[in-house]
N, C-alpha and C. Protein backbone atom coordinates (compact mmCIF):
# COMPACT_ATOMS: atom_id res chain seq x y z
N MET A 1 17.04 2.65 -0.73
CA MET A 1 16.97 2.85 -2.21
C MET A 1 15.54 3.24 -2.64
N ALA A 2 15.19 4.20 -3.32
CA ALA A 2 13.92 4.74 -3.71
C ALA A 2 13.52 4.15 -4.76
N THR A 3 12.11 3.63 -5.14
CA THR A 3 11.74 3.22 -6.32
C THR A 3 10.86 3.85 -6.99
N GLY A 4 10.74 5.26 -6.68
CA GLY A 4 9.99 6.09 -7.34
C GLY A 4 8.75 6.09 -6.49
N PRO A 5 7.66 6.55 -7.32
CA PRO A 5 6.33 6.87 -6.41
C PRO A 5 5.72 5.55 -5.64
N ASN A 6 5.86 4.46 -6.18
CA ASN A 6 5.32 3.26 -5.71
C ASN A 6 6.45 2.58 -4.76
N GLY A 7 5.76 2.02 -3.56
CA GLY A 7 6.75 1.12 -2.83
C GLY A 7 6.88 -0.36 -3.23
N ARG A 8 7.35 -1.38 -2.66
CA ARG A 8 7.39 -2.57 -2.90
C ARG A 8 7.12 -3.33 -1.66
N ILE A 9 6.57 -4.73 -1.85
CA ILE A 9 6.73 -5.56 -0.65
C ILE A 9 6.96 -6.73 -1.24
N ARG A 10 7.39 -7.69 -0.37
CA ARG A 10 7.83 -8.93 -0.68
C ARG A 10 6.76 -9.99 0.17
N ILE A 11 6.36 -11.07 -0.70
CA ILE A 11 5.12 -11.60 -0.27
C ILE A 11 5.42 -13.05 -0.82
N THR A 12 4.89 -14.13 -0.18
CA THR A 12 4.98 -15.36 -0.50
C THR A 12 3.66 -15.81 -1.34
N GLU A 13 3.71 -16.91 -2.12
CA GLU A 13 2.71 -16.96 -2.85
C GLU A 13 1.17 -17.20 -2.01
N GLU A 14 1.36 -17.90 -0.87
CA GLU A 14 0.41 -18.12 -0.22
C GLU A 14 -0.32 -16.64 0.32
N GLN A 15 0.77 -15.81 0.88
CA GLN A 15 0.24 -14.40 1.20
C GLN A 15 -0.33 -13.59 0.26
N PHE A 16 0.25 -13.85 -1.18
CA PHE A 16 -0.43 -13.04 -2.27
C PHE A 16 -1.84 -13.74 -2.46
N ARG A 17 -2.23 -14.95 -2.25
CA ARG A 17 -3.75 -15.23 -2.52
C ARG A 17 -4.44 -14.93 -1.37
N VAL A 18 -4.05 -14.78 0.07
CA VAL A 18 -4.81 -14.42 1.03
C VAL A 18 -5.10 -12.66 0.65
N LEU A 19 -3.92 -12.13 0.39
CA LEU A 19 -4.10 -10.57 0.18
C LEU A 19 -5.12 -10.26 -0.86
N ASP A 20 -5.04 -11.11 -1.91
CA ASP A 20 -5.79 -10.87 -3.18
C ASP A 20 -7.23 -11.09 -2.86
N GLU A 21 -7.45 -12.22 -1.83
CA GLU A 21 -8.89 -12.53 -1.52
C GLU A 21 -9.51 -11.25 -0.55
N VAL A 22 -8.51 -10.77 0.36
CA VAL A 22 -9.06 -9.79 1.08
C VAL A 22 -9.33 -8.44 0.58
N ILE A 23 -8.48 -8.19 -0.53
CA ILE A 23 -8.79 -6.66 -0.96
C ILE A 23 -9.85 -6.97 -2.00
N ALA A 24 -10.13 -8.22 -2.56
CA ALA A 24 -11.37 -8.34 -3.36
C ALA A 24 -12.73 -8.33 -2.50
N GLU A 25 -12.66 -8.97 -1.31
CA GLU A 25 -13.82 -8.86 -0.70
C GLU A 25 -14.05 -7.40 0.09
N ALA A 26 -12.90 -6.60 0.46
CA ALA A 26 -13.20 -5.31 0.83
C ALA A 26 -13.81 -4.26 -0.13
N ARG A 27 -13.03 -4.60 -1.52
CA ARG A 27 -13.67 -3.86 -2.71
C ARG A 27 -15.20 -4.19 -2.57
N HIS A 28 -15.73 -5.40 -2.84
CA HIS A 28 -17.01 -5.54 -2.97
C HIS A 28 -17.84 -4.99 -1.85
N ARG A 29 -17.25 -4.89 -0.62
CA ARG A 29 -18.14 -4.34 0.35
C ARG A 29 -18.33 -2.88 0.24
N GLU A 30 -17.06 -2.11 -0.22
CA GLU A 30 -17.00 -0.57 -0.51
C GLU A 30 -18.10 -0.45 -1.66
N MET A 31 -18.12 -1.23 -2.67
CA MET A 31 -19.19 -1.11 -3.85
C MET A 31 -20.59 -1.08 -3.40
N ILE A 32 -21.03 -1.96 -2.46
CA ILE A 32 -22.19 -1.98 -1.89
C ILE A 32 -22.42 -0.84 -1.00
N ARG A 33 -21.46 -0.30 -0.16
CA ARG A 33 -21.79 0.79 0.60
C ARG A 33 -21.86 1.81 -0.39
N ARG A 34 -21.36 1.93 -1.33
CA ARG A 34 -21.28 3.15 -2.38
C ARG A 34 -22.75 2.92 -2.96
N ALA A 35 -23.24 1.98 -3.40
CA ALA A 35 -24.69 1.87 -3.90
C ALA A 35 -25.67 2.34 -2.76
N ASP A 36 -25.41 1.83 -1.53
CA ASP A 36 -26.25 2.31 -0.50
C ASP A 36 -26.12 4.04 -0.35
N ALA A 37 -24.94 4.59 -0.35
CA ALA A 37 -24.74 6.10 -0.20
C ALA A 37 -25.46 6.68 -1.32
N ARG A 38 -25.37 6.16 -2.56
CA ARG A 38 -26.01 6.64 -3.69
C ARG A 38 -27.49 6.60 -3.65
N ASP A 39 -28.14 5.50 -3.18
CA ASP A 39 -29.27 5.56 -2.81
C ASP A 39 -30.02 6.51 -1.70
N GLN A 40 -29.00 6.87 -1.12
CA GLN A 40 -29.50 7.84 0.07
C GLN A 40 -29.08 9.27 -0.63
N GLY A 41 -28.60 9.44 -1.76
CA GLY A 41 -28.25 10.91 -2.32
C GLY A 41 -26.86 11.51 -1.56
N LYS A 42 -25.97 10.48 -1.07
CA LYS A 42 -25.04 11.06 -0.36
C LYS A 42 -23.86 11.17 -1.49
N ASP A 43 -22.84 11.95 -0.92
CA ASP A 43 -21.46 12.08 -1.99
C ASP A 43 -20.78 11.08 -2.30
N LEU A 44 -20.34 10.43 -3.28
CA LEU A 44 -19.81 9.27 -3.54
C LEU A 44 -18.18 9.41 -3.76
N TRP A 45 -17.66 10.45 -3.66
CA TRP A 45 -16.29 10.66 -3.81
C TRP A 45 -15.37 9.80 -2.79
N ALA A 46 -15.73 9.86 -1.48
CA ALA A 46 -14.74 8.91 -0.77
C ALA A 46 -14.85 7.57 -1.30
N PHE A 47 -16.22 6.90 -1.56
CA PHE A 47 -16.09 5.66 -1.91
C PHE A 47 -15.47 5.45 -3.28
N GLN A 48 -15.64 6.23 -4.04
CA GLN A 48 -14.83 5.98 -5.44
C GLN A 48 -13.34 6.05 -5.19
N ARG A 49 -12.82 6.95 -4.36
CA ARG A 49 -11.42 7.26 -4.24
C ARG A 49 -10.83 5.77 -3.45
N ARG A 50 -11.50 5.19 -2.64
CA ARG A 50 -11.22 4.04 -2.02
C ARG A 50 -11.48 2.58 -3.06
N ILE A 51 -12.43 2.58 -3.73
CA ILE A 51 -12.52 1.51 -4.58
C ILE A 51 -11.42 1.55 -5.89
N LYS A 52 -10.93 3.01 -6.16
CA LYS A 52 -9.90 3.28 -7.09
C LYS A 52 -8.71 2.45 -6.59
N ALA A 53 -8.38 2.90 -5.32
CA ALA A 53 -6.98 2.59 -4.61
C ALA A 53 -7.26 0.88 -4.56
N MET A 54 -8.34 0.26 -4.20
CA MET A 54 -8.30 -1.10 -4.18
C MET A 54 -8.32 -1.80 -5.57
N THR A 55 -8.73 -1.20 -6.63
CA THR A 55 -8.45 -1.66 -7.87
C THR A 55 -7.08 -1.64 -8.22
N GLU A 56 -6.60 -0.56 -8.07
CA GLU A 56 -5.04 -0.43 -8.29
C GLU A 56 -4.16 -1.57 -7.82
N MET A 57 -4.33 -1.90 -6.49
CA MET A 57 -3.83 -2.93 -5.68
C MET A 57 -3.85 -4.10 -6.30
N GLN A 58 -5.29 -4.47 -6.68
CA GLN A 58 -5.52 -5.88 -7.47
C GLN A 58 -4.79 -5.50 -8.68
N ASP A 59 -4.65 -4.73 -9.46
CA ASP A 59 -3.93 -4.59 -10.76
C ASP A 59 -2.32 -4.87 -10.35
N GLU A 60 -1.82 -4.32 -9.14
CA GLU A 60 -0.55 -4.95 -8.81
C GLU A 60 -0.35 -5.98 -8.58
N LEU A 61 -1.11 -6.86 -7.86
CA LEU A 61 -1.22 -8.05 -7.27
C LEU A 61 -1.15 -9.04 -8.59
N GLU A 62 -2.19 -8.67 -9.53
CA GLU A 62 -2.25 -9.38 -10.98
C GLU A 62 -0.58 -9.48 -11.54
N ARG A 63 -0.28 -8.24 -11.61
CA ARG A 63 1.00 -8.11 -12.38
C ARG A 63 1.89 -8.90 -11.40
N LEU A 64 2.06 -8.94 -10.32
CA LEU A 64 3.01 -9.92 -9.46
C LEU A 64 2.70 -11.29 -9.82
N ALA A 65 1.48 -11.81 -9.84
CA ALA A 65 1.10 -13.20 -10.16
C ALA A 65 1.71 -13.69 -11.50
N VAL A 66 1.63 -12.67 -12.40
CA VAL A 66 2.19 -12.91 -13.76
C VAL A 66 3.89 -13.09 -13.70
N GLU A 67 4.38 -12.21 -13.05
CA GLU A 67 5.56 -12.27 -12.85
C GLU A 67 6.44 -13.37 -12.29
N MET A 68 5.50 -14.09 -11.29
CA MET A 68 5.87 -15.12 -10.59
C MET A 68 5.44 -16.39 -11.20
N GLU A 69 4.54 -16.30 -12.13
CA GLU A 69 4.01 -17.26 -12.90
C GLU A 69 3.25 -18.05 -11.74
N TRP A 70 2.33 -17.23 -10.68
CA TRP A 70 1.67 -17.95 -9.55
C TRP A 70 0.07 -18.08 -10.25
N ASN A 71 -0.40 -17.63 -11.60
CA ASN A 71 -1.47 -17.96 -11.80
C ASN A 71 -1.71 -19.39 -12.92
N ALA A 72 -0.43 -20.06 -13.03
CA ALA A 72 -0.56 -21.12 -13.86
C ALA A 72 -0.96 -22.21 -12.95
N THR A 73 -2.51 -22.75 -13.08
CA THR A 73 -2.64 -23.85 -12.22
C THR A 73 -3.42 -24.68 -13.18
């Protein structure tokens, strides 16, 4: 069954929390690498693309948390 351009995954609340943390850490590291590259005068396009992808994943996780009421603590 096709769901359009986006795929879907099924995860538990614990898996959601781990994935959210992993993506946040990876995005932070990528932002640091981008800053270093900027300071060295390098092209930032690849960094921007990866940061955008991780931001979009974080947005999807937030939507999931709202739908599942996992943020209510």
